[in-house]
Structure formats: structure tokens, C-alpha cells
Amino acid sequence: MPSPFPLLLVGSIPLSDADAVLDAVGETIGGRLSCVPDGETGIRANWIGWQHAVFEAQTALEPTERRERDYQLRPPYRFRAGKGPADLAFGDLGFARAAVA
């Protein structure tokens, strides 16, 4: 088995669940990784879709009128007039809970 080397997988892997992701990565890349993410499956399969309610709850943000790219599900957000980064309060985004699960 080859020894691990610095390779980092990030983002979603469009499979049914974490077991399918880990199996596919294990079969494809095998022993070359020292750790593997779960692939952001299920409700987290589309990051911005999963976080939509978080962005929508921010009074400092508003959605723009149209998507910037065809593959976007929703238009991006922008700051409302007179608002900026100091006006944001995201709190718990759920990533730590998902990682523990």
C-alpha cells in the first residue's frame, strides 16, 4: 500500500451517504490519504441550500435579483444599504454537529 501524501479533499461528493463516499474514496485513492471528509451528503449536499435559512435570517443581507451562474439554485446575497460585516451574527452553522454525527 502506498504511503499517504499531502492530499486534501474538500467539498461535496454527490453520493447517497457518508458510507458510500468513504467506500468510493477508499477504492479510488486508497492508502494515499491520511483522512477523508464525509462528502457533505444528504441535507448538506448543496452547501448554500443547506445554509439558505441562515443567510435569510440575516437582517444585514438581502438576495440579489438574479443568479450569477446557471448552476446556482438561488441568487447570491449582498449587504443591505448601510449594513456591513459588523452587522452579521451567524451563530451555529451546524458543521460541527454534522462532523460529530
PDB file of N, CA and C in Angstrom:
ATOM      1  N   MET A   1       0.840  -1.172   0.000  1.00  0.00           N
ATOM      2  CA  MET A   1       0.000   0.000   0.000  1.00  0.00           C
ATOM      3  C   MET A   1       0.894   1.247   0.000  1.00  0.00           C
ATOM      4  N   PRO A   2       0.600   2.217  -0.859  1.00  0.00           N
ATOM      5  CA  PRO A   2       1.408   3.436  -0.884  1.00  0.00           C
ATOM      6  C   PRO A   2       1.247   4.214   0.417  1.00  0.00           C
ATOM      7  N   SER A   3       2.242   4.965   0.765  1.00  0.00           N
ATOM      8  CA  SER A   3       2.139   5.779   1.974  1.00  0.00           C
ATOM      9  C   SER A   3       1.352   7.049   1.674  1.00  0.00           C
ATOM     10  N   PRO A   4       0.679   7.604   2.704  1.00  0.00           N
ATOM     11  CA  PRO A   4      -0.087   8.843   2.497  1.00  0.00           C
ATOM     12  C   PRO A   4       0.814   9.998   2.088  1.00  0.00           C
ATOM     13  N   PHE A   5       0.265  10.909   1.337  1.00  0.00           N
ATOM     14  CA  PHE A   5       0.968  12.142   0.993  1.00  0.00           C
ATOM     15  C   PHE A   5      -0.020  13.279   1.148  1.00  0.00           C
ATOM     16  N   PRO A   6       0.452  14.512   1.201  1.00  0.00           N
ATOM     17  CA  PRO A   6      -0.460  15.635   1.446  1.00  0.00           C
ATOM     18  C   PRO A   6      -1.487  15.813   0.332  1.00  0.00           C
ATOM     19  N   LEU A   7      -2.657  15.327   0.548  1.00  0.00           N
ATOM     20  CA  LEU A   7      -3.766  15.472  -0.387  1.00  0.00           C
ATOM     21  C   LEU A   7      -4.995  15.780   0.447  1.00  0.00           C
ATOM     22  N   LEU A   8      -5.686  16.842   0.107  1.00  0.00           N
ATOM     23  CA  LEU A   8      -6.846  17.279   0.868  1.00  0.00           C
ATOM     24  C   LEU A   8      -8.074  17.256  -0.023  1.00  0.00           C
ATOM     25  N   LEU A   9      -9.069  16.519   0.376  1.00  0.00           N
ATOM     26  CA  LEU A   9     -10.351  16.518  -0.330  1.00  0.00           C
ATOM     27  C   LEU A   9     -11.277  17.480   0.392  1.00  0.00           C
ATOM     28  N   VAL A  10     -11.935  18.353  -0.355  1.00  0.00           N
ATOM     29  CA  VAL A  10     -12.886  19.295   0.236  1.00  0.00           C
ATOM     30  C   VAL A  10     -14.145  19.334  -0.617  1.00  0.00           C
ATOM     31  N   GLY A  11     -15.235  19.743  -0.014  1.00  0.00           N
ATOM     32  CA  GLY A  11     -16.468  19.930  -0.765  1.00  0.00           C
ATOM     33  C   GLY A  11     -17.331  18.691  -0.821  1.00  0.00           C
ATOM     34  N   SER A  12     -18.364  18.779  -1.609  1.00  0.00           N
ATOM     35  CA  SER A  12     -19.358  17.720  -1.700  1.00  0.00           C
ATOM     36  C   SER A  12     -18.946  16.634  -2.676  1.00  0.00           C
ATOM     37  N   ILE A  13     -19.378  15.431  -2.360  1.00  0.00           N
ATOM     38  CA  ILE A  13     -19.226  14.285  -3.261  1.00  0.00           C
ATOM     39  C   ILE A  13     -20.641  13.755  -3.445  1.00  0.00           C
ATOM     40  N   PRO A  14     -21.188  13.805  -4.642  1.00  0.00           N
ATOM     41  CA  PRO A  14     -22.616  13.533  -4.841  1.00  0.00           C
ATOM     42  C   PRO A  14     -22.999  12.049  -4.766  1.00  0.00           C
ATOM     43  N   LEU A  15     -22.821  11.460  -3.585  1.00  0.00           N
ATOM     44  CA  LEU A  15     -23.233  10.082  -3.357  1.00  0.00           C
ATOM     45  C   LEU A  15     -24.309  10.057  -2.280  1.00  0.00           C
ATOM     46  N   SER A  16     -24.911   8.904  -2.053  1.00  0.00           N
ATOM     47  CA  SER A  16     -26.079   8.818  -1.186  1.00  0.00           C
ATOM     48  C   SER A  16     -25.817   9.098   0.281  1.00  0.00           C
ATOM     49  N   ASP A  17     -24.662   8.683   0.799  1.00  0.00           N
ATOM     50  CA  ASP A  17     -24.379   8.902   2.215  1.00  0.00           C
ATOM     51  C   ASP A  17     -22.876   8.792   2.474  1.00  0.00           C
ATOM     52  N   ALA A  18     -22.473   9.021   3.723  1.00  0.00           N
ATOM     53  CA  ALA A  18     -21.047   9.024   4.075  1.00  0.00           C
ATOM     54  C   ALA A  18     -20.405   7.667   3.813  1.00  0.00           C
ATOM     55  N   ASP A  19     -21.116   6.572   4.067  1.00  0.00           N
ATOM     56  CA  ASP A  19     -20.545   5.243   3.808  1.00  0.00           C
ATOM     57  C   ASP A  19     -20.190   5.080   2.332  1.00  0.00           C
ATOM     58  N   ALA A  20     -21.071   5.527   1.444  1.00  0.00           N
ATOM     59  CA  ALA A  20     -20.801   5.417   0.003  1.00  0.00           C
ATOM     60  C   ALA A  20     -19.590   6.272  -0.380  1.00  0.00           C
ATOM     61  N   VAL A  21     -19.482   7.459   0.221  1.00  0.00           N
ATOM     62  CA  VAL A  21     -18.334   8.336  -0.057  1.00  0.00           C
ATOM     63  C   VAL A  21     -17.044   7.674   0.401  1.00  0.00           C
ATOM     64  N   LEU A  22     -17.030   7.177   1.634  1.00  0.00           N
ATOM     65  CA  LEU A  22     -15.817   6.561   2.168  1.00  0.00           C
ATOM     66  C   LEU A  22     -15.433   5.319   1.370  1.00  0.00           C
ATOM     67  N   ASP A  23     -16.405   4.528   0.957  1.00  0.00           N
ATOM     68  CA  ASP A  23     -16.114   3.354   0.124  1.00  0.00           C
ATOM     69  C   ASP A  23     -15.504   3.767  -1.212  1.00  0.00           C
ATOM     70  N   ALA A  24     -16.111   4.759  -1.872  1.00  0.00           N
ATOM     71  CA  ALA A  24     -15.617   5.199  -3.180  1.00  0.00           C
ATOM     72  C   ALA A  24     -14.216   5.792  -3.079  1.00  0.00           C
ATOM     73  N   VAL A  25     -13.991   6.615  -2.069  1.00  0.00           N
ATOM     74  CA  VAL A  25     -12.668   7.218  -1.897  1.00  0.00           C
ATOM     75  C   VAL A  25     -11.649   6.138  -1.567  1.00  0.00           C
ATOM     76  N   GLY A  26     -12.025   5.195  -0.717  1.00  0.00           N
ATOM     77  CA  GLY A  26     -11.118   4.104  -0.361  1.00  0.00           C
ATOM     78  C   GLY A  26     -10.730   3.268  -1.567  1.00  0.00           C
ATOM     79  N   GLU A  27     -11.691   2.964  -2.421  1.00  0.00           N
ATOM     80  CA  GLU A  27     -11.419   2.161  -3.613  1.00  0.00           C
ATOM     81  C   GLU A  27     -10.609   2.936  -4.651  1.00  0.00           C
ATOM     82  N   THR A  28     -10.856   4.239  -4.757  1.00  0.00           N
ATOM     83  CA  THR A  28     -10.218   5.053  -5.784  1.00  0.00           C
ATOM     84  C   THR A  28      -8.840   5.547  -5.388  1.00  0.00           C
ATOM     85  N   ILE A  29      -8.742   6.078  -4.189  1.00  0.00           N
ATOM     86  CA  ILE A  29      -7.488   6.694  -3.752  1.00  0.00           C
ATOM     87  C   ILE A  29      -6.753   5.809  -2.756  1.00  0.00           C
ATOM     88  N   GLY A  30      -7.503   4.980  -2.046  1.00  0.00           N
ATOM     89  CA  GLY A  30      -6.904   4.019  -1.132  1.00  0.00           C
ATOM     90  C   GLY A  30      -6.047   4.632  -0.047  1.00  0.00           C
ATOM     91  N   GLY A  31      -4.873   4.049   0.129  1.00  0.00           N
ATOM     92  CA  GLY A  31      -3.997   4.428   1.219  1.00  0.00           C
ATOM     93  C   GLY A  31      -3.225   5.702   1.024  1.00  0.00           C
ATOM     94  N   ARG A  32      -3.568   6.478   0.058  1.00  0.00           N
ATOM     95  CA  ARG A  32      -2.830   7.717  -0.196  1.00  0.00           C
ATOM     96  C   ARG A  32      -3.281   8.890   0.677  1.00  0.00           C
ATOM     97  N   LEU A  33      -4.363   8.708   1.416  1.00  0.00           N
ATOM     98  CA  LEU A  33      -4.872   9.783   2.266  1.00  0.00           C
ATOM     99  C   LEU A  33      -4.727   9.421   3.732  1.00  0.00           C
ATOM    100  N   SER A  34      -4.475  10.421   4.548  1.00  0.00           N
ATOM    101  CA  SER A  34      -4.434  10.170   5.983  1.00  0.00           C
ATOM    102  C   SER A  34      -5.793  10.444   6.633  1.00  0.00           C
ATOM    103  N   CYS A  35      -6.675  11.190   5.959  1.00  0.00           N
ATOM    104  CA  CYS A  35      -8.034  11.423   6.450  1.00  0.00           C
ATOM    105  C   CYS A  35      -8.938  11.733   5.257  1.00  0.00           C
ATOM    106  N   VAL A  36     -10.235  11.528   5.461  1.00  0.00           N
ATOM    107  CA  VAL A  36     -11.203  11.704   4.377  1.00  0.00           C
ATOM    108  C   VAL A  36     -12.450  12.383   4.938  1.00  0.00           C
ATOM    109  N   PRO A  37     -12.978  13.422   4.261  1.00  0.00           N
ATOM    110  CA  PRO A  37     -14.236  14.028   4.711  1.00  0.00           C
ATOM    111  C   PRO A  37     -15.409  13.125   4.333  1.00  0.00           C
ATOM    112  N   ASP A  38     -16.574  13.407   4.882  1.00  0.00           N
ATOM    113  CA  ASP A  38     -17.738  12.560   4.610  1.00  0.00           C
ATOM    114  C   ASP A  38     -18.444  12.879   3.302  1.00  0.00           C
ATOM    115  N   GLY A  39     -18.017  13.905   2.582  1.00  0.00           N
ATOM    116  CA  GLY A  39     -18.592  14.206   1.280  1.00  0.00           C
ATOM    117  C   GLY A  39     -19.759  15.166   1.281  1.00  0.00           C
ATOM    118  N   GLU A  40     -20.163  15.657   2.452  1.00  0.00           N
ATOM    119  CA  GLU A  40     -21.307  16.572   2.538  1.00  0.00           C
ATOM    120  C   GLU A  40     -22.528  16.000   1.814  1.00  0.00           C
ATOM    121  N   THR A  41     -22.984  14.889   2.296  1.00  0.00           N
ATOM    122  CA  THR A  41     -24.116  14.206   1.673  1.00  0.00           C
ATOM    123  C   THR A  41     -25.430  14.598   2.352  1.00  0.00           C
ATOM    124  N   GLY A  42     -26.517  14.029   1.870  1.00  0.00           N
ATOM    125  CA  GLY A  42     -27.824  14.264   2.465  1.00  0.00           C
ATOM    126  C   GLY A  42     -28.217  15.731   2.400  1.00  0.00           C
ATOM    127  N   ILE A  43     -28.699  16.260   3.529  1.00  0.00           N
ATOM    128  CA  ILE A  43     -29.172  17.644   3.574  1.00  0.00           C
ATOM    129  C   ILE A  43     -28.056  18.637   3.266  1.00  0.00           C
ATOM    130  N   ARG A  44     -26.794  18.237   3.457  1.00  0.00           N
ATOM    131  CA  ARG A  44     -25.660  19.132   3.208  1.00  0.00           C
ATOM    132  C   ARG A  44     -25.125  19.012   1.783  1.00  0.00           C
ATOM    133  N   ALA A  45     -25.790  18.296   0.909  1.00  0.00           N
ATOM    134  CA  ALA A  45     -25.282  18.059  -0.447  1.00  0.00           C
ATOM    135  C   ALA A  45     -25.084  19.346  -1.248  1.00  0.00           C
ATOM    136  N   ASN A  46     -25.844  20.327  -0.968  1.00  0.00           N
ATOM    137  CA  ASN A  46     -25.673  21.610  -1.628  1.00  0.00           C
ATOM    138  C   ASN A  46     -25.474  22.635  -0.530  1.00  0.00           C
ATOM    139  N   TRP A  47     -24.237  23.017  -0.277  1.00  0.00           N
ATOM    140  CA  TRP A  47     -23.892  23.822   0.882  1.00  0.00           C
ATOM    141  C   TRP A  47     -24.779  25.051   1.022  1.00  0.00           C
ATOM    142  N   ILE A  48     -24.903  25.818  -0.023  1.00  0.00           N
ATOM    143  CA  ILE A  48     -25.664  27.053   0.099  1.00  0.00           C
ATOM    144  C   ILE A  48     -27.143  26.757   0.324  1.00  0.00           C
ATOM    145  N   GLY A  49     -27.629  25.666  -0.228  1.00  0.00           N
ATOM    146  CA  GLY A  49     -29.009  25.267   0.036  1.00  0.00           C
ATOM    147  C   GLY A  49     -29.205  24.924   1.502  1.00  0.00           C
ATOM    148  N   TRP A  50     -28.222  24.264   2.084  1.00  0.00           N
ATOM    149  CA  TRP A  50     -28.287  23.887   3.498  1.00  0.00           C
ATOM    150  C   TRP A  50     -28.215  25.126   4.376  1.00  0.00           C
ATOM    151  N   GLN A  51     -27.469  26.124   3.959  1.00  0.00           N
ATOM    152  CA  GLN A  51     -27.273  27.332   4.740  1.00  0.00           C
ATOM    153  C   GLN A  51     -28.235  28.465   4.364  1.00  0.00           C
ATOM    154  N   HIS A  52     -29.134  28.219   3.437  1.00  0.00           N
ATOM    155  CA  HIS A  52     -30.043  29.266   2.966  1.00  0.00           C
ATOM    156  C   HIS A  52     -30.800  29.943   4.112  1.00  0.00           C
ATOM    157  N   ALA A  53     -31.334  29.177   5.028  1.00  0.00           N
ATOM    158  CA  ALA A  53     -32.095  29.755   6.139  1.00  0.00           C
ATOM    159  C   ALA A  53     -31.218  30.644   7.010  1.00  0.00           C
ATOM    160  N   VAL A  54     -29.936  30.291   7.137  1.00  0.00           N
ATOM    161  CA  VAL A  54     -29.006  31.096   7.933  1.00  0.00           C
ATOM    162  C   VAL A  54     -28.810  32.457   7.276  1.00  0.00           C
ATOM    163  N   PHE A  55     -28.593  32.459   5.969  1.00  0.00           N
ATOM    164  CA  PHE A  55     -28.413  33.719   5.253  1.00  0.00           C
ATOM    165  C   PHE A  55     -29.715  34.529   5.249  1.00  0.00           C
ATOM    166  N   GLU A  56     -30.818  33.850   5.057  1.00  0.00           N
ATOM    167  CA  GLU A  56     -32.115  34.523   5.008  1.00  0.00           C
ATOM    168  C   GLU A  56     -32.448  35.217   6.325  1.00  0.00           C
ATOM    169  N   ALA A  57     -31.955  34.678   7.439  1.00  0.00           N
ATOM    170  CA  ALA A  57     -32.237  35.249   8.758  1.00  0.00           C
ATOM    171  C   ALA A  57     -31.380  36.470   9.077  1.00  0.00           C
ATOM    172  N   GLN A  58     -30.398  36.751   8.257  1.00  0.00           N
ATOM    173  CA  GLN A  58     -29.517  37.891   8.497  1.00  0.00           C
ATOM    174  C   GLN A  58     -30.188  39.177   8.022  1.00  0.00           C
ATOM    175  N   THR A  59     -30.504  40.052   8.954  1.00  0.00           N
ATOM    176  CA  THR A  59     -31.161  41.306   8.580  1.00  0.00           C
ATOM    177  C   THR A  59     -30.236  42.232   7.802  1.00  0.00           C
ATOM    178  N   ALA A  60     -28.936  41.994   7.866  1.00  0.00           N
ATOM    179  CA  ALA A  60     -27.978  42.823   7.134  1.00  0.00           C
ATOM    180  C   ALA A  60     -27.851  42.404   5.668  1.00  0.00           C
ATOM    181  N   LEU A  61     -28.433  41.264   5.308  1.00  0.00           N
ATOM    182  CA  LEU A  61     -28.312  40.752   3.942  1.00  0.00           C
ATOM    183  C   LEU A  61     -29.647  40.774   3.220  1.00  0.00           C
ATOM    184  N   GLU A  62     -29.558  40.828   1.901  1.00  0.00           N
ATOM    185  CA  GLU A  62     -30.736  40.693   1.052  1.00  0.00           C
ATOM    186  C   GLU A  62     -30.320  39.925  -0.206  1.00  0.00           C
ATOM    187  N   PRO A  63     -31.222  39.133  -0.769  1.00  0.00           N
ATOM    188  CA  PRO A  63     -30.867  38.430  -2.009  1.00  0.00           C
ATOM    189  C   PRO A  63     -30.792  39.408  -3.177  1.00  0.00           C
ATOM    190  N   THR A  64     -29.921  39.125  -4.100  1.00  0.00           N
ATOM    191  CA  THR A  64     -29.858  39.935  -5.315  1.00  0.00           C
ATOM    192  C   THR A  64     -30.997  39.510  -6.243  1.00  0.00           C
ATOM    193  N   GLU A  65     -31.144  40.167  -7.363  1.00  0.00           N
ATOM    194  CA  GLU A  65     -32.269  39.890  -8.263  1.00  0.00           C
ATOM    195  C   GLU A  65     -32.078  38.639  -9.117  1.00  0.00           C
ATOM    196  N   ARG A  66     -30.822  38.277  -9.402  1.00  0.00           N
ATOM    197  CA  ARG A  66     -30.635  37.118 -10.285  1.00  0.00           C
ATOM    198  C   ARG A  66     -29.363  36.356  -9.946  1.00  0.00           C
ATOM    199  N   ARG A  67     -29.352  35.134 -10.407  1.00  0.00           N
ATOM    200  CA  ARG A  67     -28.184  34.280 -10.191  1.00  0.00           C
ATOM    201  C   ARG A  67     -27.013  34.764 -11.043  1.00  0.00           C
ATOM    202  N   GLU A  68     -25.799  34.532 -10.544  1.00  0.00           N
ATOM    203  CA  GLU A  68     -24.601  34.910 -11.293  1.00  0.00           C
ATOM    204  C   GLU A  68     -24.153  33.801 -12.243  1.00  0.00           C
ATOM    205  N   ARG A  69     -24.555  32.562 -11.946  1.00  0.00           N
ATOM    206  CA  ARG A  69     -24.161  31.402 -12.748  1.00  0.00           C
ATOM    207  C   ARG A  69     -25.377  30.497 -12.933  1.00  0.00           C
ATOM    208  N   ASP A  70     -25.430  29.790 -14.025  1.00  0.00           N
ATOM    209  CA  ASP A  70     -26.580  28.935 -14.315  1.00  0.00           C
ATOM    210  C   ASP A  70     -26.809  27.867 -13.255  1.00  0.00           C
ATOM    211  N   TYR A  71     -25.739  27.351 -12.661  1.00  0.00           N
ATOM    212  CA  TYR A  71     -25.888  26.247 -11.719  1.00  0.00           C
ATOM    213  C   TYR A  71     -26.334  26.690 -10.319  1.00  0.00           C
ATOM    214  N   GLN A  72     -26.363  27.979 -10.048  1.00  0.00           N
ATOM    215  CA  GLN A  72     -26.799  28.445  -8.739  1.00  0.00           C
ATOM    216  C   GLN A  72     -28.290  28.196  -8.557  1.00  0.00           C
ATOM    217  N   LEU A  73     -28.650  27.695  -7.382  1.00  0.00           N
ATOM    218  CA  LEU A  73     -30.061  27.458  -7.089  1.00  0.00           C
ATOM    219  C   LEU A  73     -30.809  28.755  -6.803  1.00  0.00           C
ATOM    220  N   ARG A  74     -30.108  29.692  -6.162  1.00  0.00           N
ATOM    221  CA  ARG A  74     -30.726  30.967  -5.783  1.00  0.00           C
ATOM    222  C   ARG A  74     -29.753  32.103  -6.085  1.00  0.00           C
ATOM    223  N   PRO A  75     -30.264  33.295  -6.207  1.00  0.00           N
ATOM    224  CA  PRO A  75     -29.361  34.443  -6.367  1.00  0.00           C
ATOM    225  C   PRO A  75     -28.503  34.611  -5.109  1.00  0.00           C
ATOM    226  N   PRO A  76     -27.302  35.149  -5.251  1.00  0.00           N
ATOM    227  CA  PRO A  76     -26.459  35.381  -4.070  1.00  0.00           C
ATOM    228  C   PRO A  76     -27.013  36.519  -3.220  1.00  0.00           C
ATOM    229  N   TYR A  77     -26.475  36.631  -2.022  1.00  0.00           N
ATOM    230  CA  TYR A  77     -26.867  37.714  -1.116  1.00  0.00           C
ATOM    231  C   TYR A  77     -25.867  38.865  -1.212  1.00  0.00           C
ATOM    232  N   ARG A  78     -26.334  40.041  -0.803  1.00  0.00           N
ATOM    233  CA  ARG A  78     -25.471  41.220  -0.703  1.00  0.00           C
ATOM    234  C   ARG A  78     -25.877  41.955   0.573  1.00  0.00           C
ATOM    235  N   PHE A  79     -25.032  42.895   0.981  1.00  0.00           N
ATOM    236  CA  PHE A  79     -25.371  43.697   2.148  1.00  0.00           C
ATOM    237  C   PHE A  79     -26.473  44.688   1.785  1.00  0.00           C
ATOM    238  N   ARG A  80     -27.383  44.882   2.706  1.00  0.00           N
ATOM    239  CA  ARG A  80     -28.397  45.928   2.551  1.00  0.00           C
ATOM    240  C   ARG A  80     -27.702  47.284   2.672  1.00  0.00           C
ATOM    241  N   ALA A  81     -28.304  48.283   2.146  1.00  0.00           N
ATOM    242  CA  ALA A  81     -27.739  49.641   2.233  1.00  0.00           C
ATOM    243  C   ALA A  81     -27.469  49.989   3.698  1.00  0.00           C
ATOM    244  N   GLY A  82     -26.269  50.483   3.952  1.00  0.00           N
ATOM    245  CA  GLY A  82     -25.898  50.894   5.299  1.00  0.00           C
ATOM    246  C   GLY A  82     -25.456  49.769   6.213  1.00  0.00           C
ATOM    247  N   LYS A  83     -25.422  48.539   5.715  1.00  0.00           N
ATOM    248  CA  LYS A  83     -25.022  47.383   6.528  1.00  0.00           C
ATOM    249  C   LYS A  83     -23.670  46.865   6.049  1.00  0.00           C
ATOM    250  N   GLY A  84     -22.989  46.129   6.920  1.00  0.00           N
ATOM    251  CA  GLY A  84     -21.687  45.569   6.578  1.00  0.00           C
ATOM    252  C   GLY A  84     -21.364  44.368   7.445  1.00  0.00           C
ATOM    253  N   PRO A  85     -20.146  43.869   7.367  1.00  0.00           N
ATOM    254  CA  PRO A  85     -19.753  42.658   8.102  1.00  0.00           C
ATOM    255  C   PRO A  85     -20.025  42.727   9.603  1.00  0.00           C
ATOM    256  N   ALA A  86     -19.869  43.881  10.202  1.00  0.00           N
ATOM    257  CA  ALA A  86     -20.100  44.012  11.647  1.00  0.00           C
ATOM    258  C   ALA A  86     -21.560  43.763  12.022  1.00  0.00           C
ATOM    259  N   ASP A  87     -22.453  43.812  11.055  1.00  0.00           N
ATOM    260  CA  ASP A  87     -23.880  43.607  11.310  1.00  0.00           C
ATOM    261  C   ASP A  87     -24.304  42.143  11.204  1.00  0.00           C
ATOM    262  N   LEU A  88     -23.377  41.256  10.890  1.00  0.00           N
ATOM    263  CA  LEU A  88     -23.681  39.828  10.747  1.00  0.00           C
ATOM    264  C   LEU A  88     -23.491  39.100  12.074  1.00  0.00           C
ATOM    265  N   ALA A  89     -24.338  38.114  12.328  1.00  0.00           N
ATOM    266  CA  ALA A  89     -24.216  37.248  13.504  1.00  0.00           C
ATOM    267  C   ALA A  89     -24.702  35.864  13.094  1.00  0.00           C
ATOM    268  N   PHE A  90     -23.800  35.013  12.647  1.00  0.00           N
ATOM    269  CA  PHE A  90     -24.205  33.715  12.117  1.00  0.00           C
ATOM    270  C   PHE A  90     -24.476  32.663  13.180  1.00  0.00           C
ATOM    271  N   GLY A  91     -23.766  32.666  14.285  1.00  0.00           N
ATOM    272  CA  GLY A  91     -24.009  31.653  15.312  1.00  0.00           C
ATOM    273  C   GLY A  91     -23.649  30.263  14.816  1.00  0.00           C
ATOM    274  N   ASP A  92     -24.393  29.274  15.283  1.00  0.00           N
ATOM    275  CA  ASP A  92     -24.127  27.870  14.957  1.00  0.00           C
ATOM    276  C   ASP A  92     -24.571  27.558  13.533  1.00  0.00           C
ATOM    277  N   LEU A  93     -23.624  27.163  12.672  1.00  0.00           N
ATOM    278  CA  LEU A  93     -23.944  26.825  11.294  1.00  0.00           C
ATOM    279  C   LEU A  93     -24.229  25.333  11.094  1.00  0.00           C
ATOM    280  N   GLY A  94     -23.966  24.527  12.109  1.00  0.00           N
ATOM    281  CA  GLY A  94     -24.278  23.097  12.038  1.00  0.00           C
ATOM    282  C   GLY A  94     -23.164  22.206  11.569  1.00  0.00           C
ATOM    283  N   PHE A  95     -22.052  22.767  11.123  1.00  0.00           N
ATOM    284  CA  PHE A  95     -20.959  21.935  10.592  1.00  0.00           C
ATOM    285  C   PHE A  95     -20.326  21.068  11.679  1.00  0.00           C
ATOM    286  N   ALA A  96     -20.116  21.616  12.871  1.00  0.00           N
ATOM    287  CA  ALA A  96     -19.504  20.831  13.957  1.00  0.00           C
ATOM    288  C   ALA A  96     -20.422  19.674  14.356  1.00  0.00           C
ATOM    289  N   ARG A  97     -21.727  19.938  14.456  1.00  0.00           N
ATOM    290  CA  ARG A  97     -22.668  18.868  14.792  1.00  0.00           C
ATOM    291  C   ARG A  97     -22.667  17.776  13.731  1.00  0.00           C
ATOM    292  N   ALA A  98     -22.611  18.173  12.464  1.00  0.00           N
ATOM    293  CA  ALA A  98     -22.586  17.193  11.386  1.00  0.00           C
ATOM    294  C   ALA A  98     -21.296  16.377  11.424  1.00  0.00           C
ATOM    295  N   ALA A  99     -20.165  17.021  11.737  1.00  0.00           N
ATOM    296  CA  ALA A  99     -18.897  16.310  11.808  1.00  0.00           C
ATOM    297  C   ALA A  99     -18.907  15.278  12.932  1.00  0.00           C
ATOM    298  N   VAL A 100     -19.468  15.627  14.071  1.00  0.00           N
ATOM    299  CA  VAL A 100     -19.542  14.697  15.189  1.00  0.00           C
ATOM    300  C   VAL A 100     -20.446  13.519  14.838  1.00  0.00           C
ATOM    301  N   ALA A 101     -21.564  13.821  14.186  1.00  0.00           N
ATOM    302  CA  ALA A 101     -22.511  12.756  13.808  1.00  0.00           C
ATOM    303  C   ALA A 101     -21.863  11.820  12.798  1.00  0.00           C
TER     304      ALA A 101
END
